[in-house]
PDB file of N, CA and C in Angstrom:
ATOM      1  N   UNK A   1     262.116  26.089 175.269  1.00  0.00           N
ATOM      2  CA  UNK A   1     261.659  27.456 175.418  1.00  0.00           C
ATOM      3  C   UNK A   1     262.387  28.324 174.398  1.00  0.00           C
ATOM      4  N   UNK A   2     261.673  29.320 173.932  1.00  0.00           N
ATOM      5  CA  UNK A   2     262.280  30.266 172.994  1.00  0.00           C
ATOM      6  C   UNK A   2     263.261  31.167 173.742  1.00  0.00           C
ATOM      7  N   UNK A   3     264.286  31.598 173.027  1.00  0.00           N
ATOM      8  CA  UNK A   3     265.327  32.433 173.648  1.00  0.00           C
ATOM      9  C   UNK A   3     264.760  33.678 174.334  1.00  0.00           C
ATOM     10  N   UNK A   4     263.756  34.388 173.745  1.00  0.00           N
ATOM     11  CA  UNK A   4     263.205  35.554 174.459  1.00  0.00           C
ATOM     12  C   UNK A   4     262.600  35.202 175.824  1.00  0.00           C
ATOM     13  N   UNK A   5     262.052  33.999 175.936  1.00  0.00           N
ATOM     14  CA  UNK A   5     261.488  33.581 177.224  1.00  0.00           C
ATOM     15  C   UNK A   5     262.610  33.415 178.251  1.00  0.00           C
ATOM     16  N   UNK A   6     263.708  32.788 177.840  1.00  0.00           N
ATOM     17  CA  UNK A   6     264.858  32.659 178.732  1.00  0.00           C
ATOM     18  C   UNK A   6     265.366  34.042 179.135  1.00  0.00           C
ATOM     19  N   UNK A   7     265.487  34.930 178.158  1.00  0.00           N
ATOM     20  CA  UNK A   7     265.991  36.275 178.445  1.00  0.00           C
ATOM     21  C   UNK A   7     265.090  37.002 179.430  1.00  0.00           C
ATOM     22  N   UNK A   8     263.775  36.899 179.244  1.00  0.00           N
ATOM     23  CA  UNK A   8     262.836  37.539 180.171  1.00  0.00           C
ATOM     24  C   UNK A   8     262.976  36.971 181.579  1.00  0.00           C
ATOM     25  N   UNK A   9     263.184  35.665 181.661  1.00  0.00           N
ATOM     26  CA  UNK A   9     263.342  35.029 182.968  1.00  0.00           C
ATOM     27  C   UNK A   9     264.634  35.480 183.643  1.00  0.00           C
ATOM     28  N   UNK A  10     265.709  35.600 182.876  1.00  0.00           N
ATOM     29  CA  UNK A  10     266.981  36.070 183.430  1.00  0.00           C
ATOM     30  C   UNK A  10     266.824  37.505 183.932  1.00  0.00           C
ATOM     31  N   UNK A  11     266.165  38.344 183.154  1.00  0.00           N
ATOM     32  CA  UNK A  11     265.937  39.734 183.567  1.00  0.00           C
ATOM     33  C   UNK A  11     265.131  39.767 184.866  1.00  0.00           C
ATOM     34  N   UNK A  12     264.106  38.925 184.967  1.00  0.00           N
ATOM     35  CA  UNK A  12     263.292  38.875 186.187  1.00  0.00           C
ATOM     36  C   UNK A  12     264.142  38.451 187.386  1.00  0.00           C
ATOM     37  N   UNK A  13     265.007  37.469 187.192  1.00  0.00           N
ATOM     38  CA  UNK A  13     265.899  37.034 188.279  1.00  0.00           C
ATOM     39  C   UNK A  13     266.813  38.172 188.712  1.00  0.00           C
ATOM     40  N   UNK A  14     267.389  38.859 187.739  1.00  0.00           N
ATOM     41  CA  UNK A  14     268.301  39.967 188.064  1.00  0.00           C
ATOM     42  C   UNK A  14     267.569  41.102 188.774  1.00  0.00           C
ATOM     43  N   UNK A  15     266.328  41.364 188.374  1.00  0.00           N
ATOM     44  CA  UNK A  15     265.523  42.373 189.076  1.00  0.00           C
ATOM     45  C   UNK A  15     265.317  41.987 190.539  1.00  0.00           C
ATOM     46  N   UNK A  16     265.018  40.710 190.765  1.00  0.00           N
ATOM     47  CA  UNK A  16     264.807  40.232 192.135  1.00  0.00           C
ATOM     48  C   UNK A  16     266.101  40.273 192.948  1.00  0.00           C
ATOM     49  N   UNK A  17     267.226  39.961 192.305  1.00  0.00           N
ATOM     50  CA  UNK A  17     268.519  40.075 192.990  1.00  0.00           C
ATOM     51  C   UNK A  17     268.736  41.523 193.425  1.00  0.00           C
ATOM     52  N   UNK A  18     268.474  42.447 192.521  1.00  0.00           N
ATOM     53  CA  UNK A  18     268.644  43.870 192.840  1.00  0.00           C
ATOM     54  C   UNK A  18     267.765  44.273 194.017  1.00  0.00           C
ATOM     55  N   UNK A  19     266.525  43.824 194.010  1.00  0.00           N
ATOM     56  CA  UNK A  19     265.603  44.149 195.100  1.00  0.00           C
ATOM     57  C   UNK A  19     266.139  43.658 196.439  1.00  0.00           C
ATOM     58  N   UNK A  20     266.579  42.404 196.462  1.00  0.00           N
ATOM     59  CA  UNK A  20     267.077  41.844 197.715  1.00  0.00           C
ATOM     60  C   UNK A  20     268.360  42.529 198.187  1.00  0.00           C
ATOM     61  N   UNK A  21     269.258  42.793 197.254  1.00  0.00           N
ATOM     62  CA  UNK A  21     270.513  43.433 197.662  1.00  0.00           C
ATOM     63  C   UNK A  21     270.315  44.885 198.070  1.00  0.00           C
ATOM     64  N   UNK A  22     269.324  45.544 197.504  1.00  0.00           N
ATOM     65  CA  UNK A  22     268.989  46.901 197.952  1.00  0.00           C
ATOM     66  C   UNK A  22     268.498  46.868 199.394  1.00  0.00           C
ATOM     67  N   UNK A  23     267.712  45.846 199.720  1.00  0.00           N
ATOM     68  CA  UNK A  23     267.232  45.686 201.093  1.00  0.00           C
ATOM     69  C   UNK A  23     268.407  45.368 202.024  1.00  0.00           C
ATOM     70  N   UNK A  24     269.344  44.557 201.565  1.00  0.00           N
ATOM     71  CA  UNK A  24     270.544  44.260 202.354  1.00  0.00           C
ATOM     72  C   UNK A  24     271.293  45.551 202.660  1.00  0.00           C
ATOM     73  N   UNK A  25     271.439  46.408 201.659  1.00  0.00           N
ATOM     74  CA  UNK A  25     272.136  47.679 201.853  1.00  0.00           C
ATOM     75  C   UNK A  25     271.433  48.531 202.899  1.00  0.00           C
ATOM     76  N   UNK A  26     270.107  48.586 202.820  1.00  0.00           N
ATOM     77  CA  UNK A  26     269.334  49.365 203.786  1.00  0.00           C
ATOM     78  C   UNK A  26     269.545  48.836 205.207  1.00  0.00           C
ATOM     79  N   UNK A  27     269.485  47.525 205.359  1.00  0.00           N
ATOM     80  CA  UNK A  27     269.659  46.914 206.676  1.00  0.00           C
ATOM     81  C   UNK A  27     271.085  47.141 207.181  1.00  0.00           C
ATOM     82  N   UNK A  28     272.072  46.972 206.310  1.00  0.00           N
ATOM     83  CA  UNK A  28     273.467  47.157 206.710  1.00  0.00           C
ATOM     84  C   UNK A  28     273.727  48.587 207.168  1.00  0.00           C
ATOM     85  N   UNK A  29     273.130  49.558 206.479  1.00  0.00           N
ATOM     86  CA  UNK A  29     273.291  50.958 206.892  1.00  0.00           C
ATOM     87  C   UNK A  29     272.678  51.197 208.266  1.00  0.00           C
ATOM     88  N   UNK A  30     271.514  50.597 208.507  1.00  0.00           N
ATOM     89  CA  UNK A  30     270.875  50.749 209.813  1.00  0.00           C
ATOM     90  C   UNK A  30     271.720  50.101 210.902  1.00  0.00           C
ATOM     91  N   UNK A  31     272.255  48.921 210.626  1.00  0.00           N
ATOM     92  CA  UNK A  31     273.112  48.240 211.594  1.00  0.00           C
ATOM     93  C   UNK A  31     274.383  49.045 211.858  1.00  0.00           C
ATOM     94  N   UNK A  32     274.957  49.593 210.825  1.00  0.00           N
ATOM     95  CA  UNK A  32     276.164  50.400 210.974  1.00  0.00           C
ATOM     96  C   UNK A  32     275.889  51.629 211.839  1.00  0.00           C
ATOM     97  N   UNK A  33     274.753  52.279 211.599  1.00  0.00           N
ATOM     98  CA  UNK A  33     274.398  53.458 212.391  1.00  0.00           C
ATOM     99  C   UNK A  33     274.251  53.092 213.864  1.00  0.00           C
ATOM    100  N   UNK A  34     273.619  51.955 214.140  1.00  0.00           N
ATOM    101  CA  UNK A  34     273.479  51.510 215.533  1.00  0.00           C
ATOM    102  C   UNK A  34     274.846  51.244 216.160  1.00  0.00           C
ATOM    103  N   UNK A  35     275.703  50.574 215.416  1.00  0.00           N
ATOM    104  CA  UNK A  35     277.032  50.252 215.946  1.00  0.00           C
ATOM    105  C   UNK A  35     277.827  51.518 216.223  1.00  0.00           C
ATOM    106  N   UNK A  36     277.776  52.463 215.307  1.00  0.00           N
ATOM    107  CA  UNK A  36     278.510  53.719 215.495  1.00  0.00           C
ATOM    108  C   UNK A  36     277.963  54.537 216.658  1.00  0.00           C
ATOM    109  N   UNK A  37     276.675  54.332 216.959  1.00  0.00           N
ATOM    110  CA  UNK A  37     276.065  55.027 218.091  1.00  0.00           C
ATOM    111  C   UNK A  37     276.322  54.303 219.410  1.00  0.00           C
ATOM    112  N   UNK A  38     277.030  53.162 219.338  1.00  0.00           N
ATOM    113  CA  UNK A  38     277.384  52.447 220.552  1.00  0.00           C
ATOM    114  C   UNK A  38     276.502  51.262 220.885  1.00  0.00           C
ATOM    115  N   UNK A  39     275.509  50.984 220.056  1.00  0.00           N
ATOM    116  CA  UNK A  39     274.608  49.854 220.303  1.00  0.00           C
ATOM    117  C   UNK A  39     275.012  48.664 219.437  1.00  0.00           C
ATOM    118  N   UNK A  40     276.150  48.087 219.757  1.00  0.00           N
ATOM    119  CA  UNK A  40     276.705  47.020 218.928  1.00  0.00           C
ATOM    120  C   UNK A  40     275.802  45.787 218.928  1.00  0.00           C
ATOM    121  N   UNK A  41     275.291  45.389 220.082  1.00  0.00           N
ATOM    122  CA  UNK A  41     274.450  44.187 220.108  1.00  0.00           C
ATOM    123  C   UNK A  41     273.164  44.399 219.303  1.00  0.00           C
ATOM    124  N   UNK A  42     272.604  45.604 219.361  1.00  0.00           N
ATOM    125  CA  UNK A  42     271.429  45.903 218.548  1.00  0.00           C
ATOM    126  C   UNK A  42     271.794  45.883 217.063  1.00  0.00           C
ATOM    127  N   UNK A  43     272.963  46.359 216.722  1.00  0.00           N
ATOM    128  CA  UNK A  43     273.432  46.348 215.336  1.00  0.00           C
ATOM    129  C   UNK A  43     273.526  44.922 214.810  1.00  0.00           C
ATOM    130  N   UNK A  44     274.064  44.029 215.632  1.00  0.00           N
ATOM    131  CA  UNK A  44     274.177  42.633 215.218  1.00  0.00           C
ATOM    132  C   UNK A  44     272.786  42.019 215.062  1.00  0.00           C
ATOM    133  N   UNK A  45     271.885  42.337 215.968  1.00  0.00           N
ATOM    134  CA  UNK A  45     270.513  41.833 215.860  1.00  0.00           C
ATOM    135  C   UNK A  45     269.863  42.300 214.569  1.00  0.00           C
ATOM    136  N   UNK A  46     270.027  43.563 214.252  1.00  0.00           N
ATOM    137  CA  UNK A  46     269.473  44.107 213.000  1.00  0.00           C
ATOM    138  C   UNK A  46     270.097  43.412 211.796  1.00  0.00           C
ATOM    139  N   UNK A  47     271.400  43.189 211.848  1.00  0.00           N
ATOM    140  CA  UNK A  47     272.096  42.608 210.699  1.00  0.00           C
ATOM    141  C   UNK A  47     271.734  41.150 210.450  1.00  0.00           C
ATOM    142  N   UNK A  48     271.113  40.491 211.410  1.00  0.00           N
ATOM    143  CA  UNK A  48     270.737  39.085 211.241  1.00  0.00           C
ATOM    144  C   UNK A  48     269.779  38.887 210.066  1.00  0.00           C
ATOM    145  N   UNK A  49     269.014  39.902 209.721  1.00  0.00           N
ATOM    146  CA  UNK A  49     268.071  39.797 208.607  1.00  0.00           C
ATOM    147  C   UNK A  49     268.778  39.744 207.249  1.00  0.00           C
ATOM    148  N   UNK A  50     270.044  40.061 207.231  1.00  0.00           N
ATOM    149  CA  UNK A  50     270.793  40.094 205.972  1.00  0.00           C
ATOM    150  C   UNK A  50     271.011  38.689 205.407  1.00  0.00           C
ATOM    151  N   UNK A  51     271.249  37.729 206.269  1.00  0.00           N
ATOM    152  CA  UNK A  51     271.643  36.392 205.836  1.00  0.00           C
ATOM    153  C   UNK A  51     270.641  35.760 204.863  1.00  0.00           C
ATOM    154  N   UNK A  52     269.370  35.792 205.177  1.00  0.00           N
ATOM    155  CA  UNK A  52     268.355  35.180 204.314  1.00  0.00           C
ATOM    156  C   UNK A  52     268.287  35.878 202.960  1.00  0.00           C
ATOM    157  N   UNK A  53     268.380  37.189 202.964  1.00  0.00           N
ATOM    158  CA  UNK A  53     268.321  37.934 201.707  1.00  0.00           C
ATOM    159  C   UNK A  53     269.515  37.617 200.804  1.00  0.00           C
ATOM    160  N   UNK A  54     270.689  37.479 201.401  1.00  0.00           N
ATOM    161  CA  UNK A  54     271.877  37.127 200.617  1.00  0.00           C
ATOM    162  C   UNK A  54     271.738  35.713 200.069  1.00  0.00           C
ATOM    163  N   UNK A  55     271.211  34.811 200.870  1.00  0.00           N
ATOM    164  CA  UNK A  55     270.975  33.438 200.414  1.00  0.00           C
ATOM    165  C   UNK A  55     270.032  33.443 199.200  1.00  0.00           C
ATOM    166  N   UNK A  56     268.932  34.173 199.310  1.00  0.00           N
ATOM    167  CA  UNK A  56     267.971  34.244 198.212  1.00  0.00           C
ATOM    168  C   UNK A  56     268.600  34.853 196.958  1.00  0.00           C
ATOM    169  N   UNK A  57     269.384  35.904 197.131  1.00  0.00           N
ATOM    170  CA  UNK A  57     270.051  36.522 195.984  1.00  0.00           C
ATOM    171  C   UNK A  57     270.992  35.525 195.313  1.00  0.00           C
ATOM    172  N   UNK A  58     271.676  34.730 196.096  1.00  0.00           N
ATOM    173  CA  UNK A  58     272.565  33.707 195.551  1.00  0.00           C
ATOM    174  C   UNK A  58     271.818  32.654 194.758  1.00  0.00           C
ATOM    175  N   UNK A  59     270.689  32.209 195.277  1.00  0.00           N
ATOM    176  CA  UNK A  59     269.904  31.200 194.561  1.00  0.00           C
ATOM    177  C   UNK A  59     269.307  31.785 193.276  1.00  0.00           C
ATOM    178  N   UNK A  60     268.895  33.043 193.339  1.00  0.00           N
ATOM    179  CA  UNK A  60     268.400  33.696 192.118  1.00  0.00           C
ATOM    180  C   UNK A  60     269.505  33.818 191.076  1.00  0.00           C
ATOM    181  N   UNK A  61     270.714  34.089 191.534  1.00  0.00           N
ATOM    182  CA  UNK A  61     271.845  34.160 190.598  1.00  0.00           C
ATOM    183  C   UNK A  61     272.119  32.787 189.983  1.00  0.00           C
ATOM    184  N   UNK A  62     272.016  31.740 190.804  1.00  0.00           N
ATOM    185  CA  UNK A  62     272.165  30.381 190.273  1.00  0.00           C
ATOM    186  C   UNK A  62     271.128  30.129 189.184  1.00  0.00           C
ATOM    187  N   UNK A  63     269.890  30.539 189.428  1.00  0.00           N
ATOM    188  CA  UNK A  63     268.818  30.341 188.444  1.00  0.00           C
ATOM    189  C   UNK A  63     269.087  31.128 187.170  1.00  0.00           C
ATOM    190  N   UNK A  64     269.523  32.367 187.316  1.00  0.00           N
ATOM    191  CA  UNK A  64     269.819  33.191 186.136  1.00  0.00           C
ATOM    192  C   UNK A  64     270.950  32.570 185.323  1.00  0.00           C
ATOM    193  N   UNK A  65     271.964  32.064 185.999  1.00  0.00           N
ATOM    194  CA  UNK A  65     273.090  31.431 185.310  1.00  0.00           C
ATOM    195  C   UNK A  65     272.639  30.177 184.567  1.00  0.00           C
ATOM    196  N   UNK A  66     271.810  29.369 185.218  1.00  0.00           N
ATOM    197  CA  UNK A  66     271.306  28.154 184.586  1.00  0.00           C
ATOM    198  C   UNK A  66     270.447  28.486 183.369  1.00  0.00           C
ATOM    199  N   UNK A  67     269.554  29.437 183.519  1.00  0.00           N
ATOM    200  CA  UNK A  67     268.704  29.847 182.389  1.00  0.00           C
ATOM    201  C   UNK A  67     269.548  30.356 181.231  1.00  0.00           C
ATOM    202  N   UNK A  68     270.575  31.098 181.538  1.00  0.00           N
ATOM    203  CA  UNK A  68     271.466  31.598 180.494  1.00  0.00           C
ATOM    204  C   UNK A  68     272.156  30.457 179.760  1.00  0.00           C
ATOM    205  N   UNK A  69     272.652  29.484 180.529  1.00  0.00           N
ATOM    206  CA  UNK A  69     273.306  28.326 179.898  1.00  0.00           C
ATOM    207  C   UNK A  69     272.319  27.537 179.041  1.00  0.00           C
ATOM    208  N   UNK A  70     271.106  27.340 179.532  1.00  0.00           N
ATOM    209  CA  UNK A  70     270.099  26.594 178.767  1.00  0.00           C
ATOM    210  C   UNK A  70     269.733  27.320 177.481  1.00  0.00           C
ATOM    211  N   UNK A  71     269.743  28.641 177.509  1.00  0.00           N
ATOM    212  CA  UNK A  71     269.369  29.405 176.312  1.00  0.00           C
ATOM    213  C   UNK A  71     270.435  29.304 175.220  1.00  0.00           C
ATOM    214  N   UNK A  72     271.649  28.889 175.606  1.00  0.00           N
ATOM    215  CA  UNK A  72     272.738  28.783 174.634  1.00  0.00           C
ATOM    216  C   UNK A  72     272.635  27.510 173.788  1.00  0.00           C
ATOM    217  N   UNK A  73     271.790  26.580 174.201  1.00  0.00           N
ATOM    218  CA  UNK A  73     271.666  25.307 173.479  1.00  0.00           C
ATOM    219  C   UNK A  73     270.492  25.299 172.538  1.00  0.00           C
TER     220      UNK A  73
END
């Protein structure tokens, strides 16, 4: 693959990481608000959605790192 193709793919991965982590932030704020209002169990339930998004962001980062390494060769 040409280097610009790798670069475009890395940018796309980073965009997707940003999207997922922005959603994590939104969920964490909602969970925090529930906890501060005294609904701790509801806060934990809300926060359960964070795990999958963090996992996906991690795998996207792995892909971006791999694409970057491949573009160096």
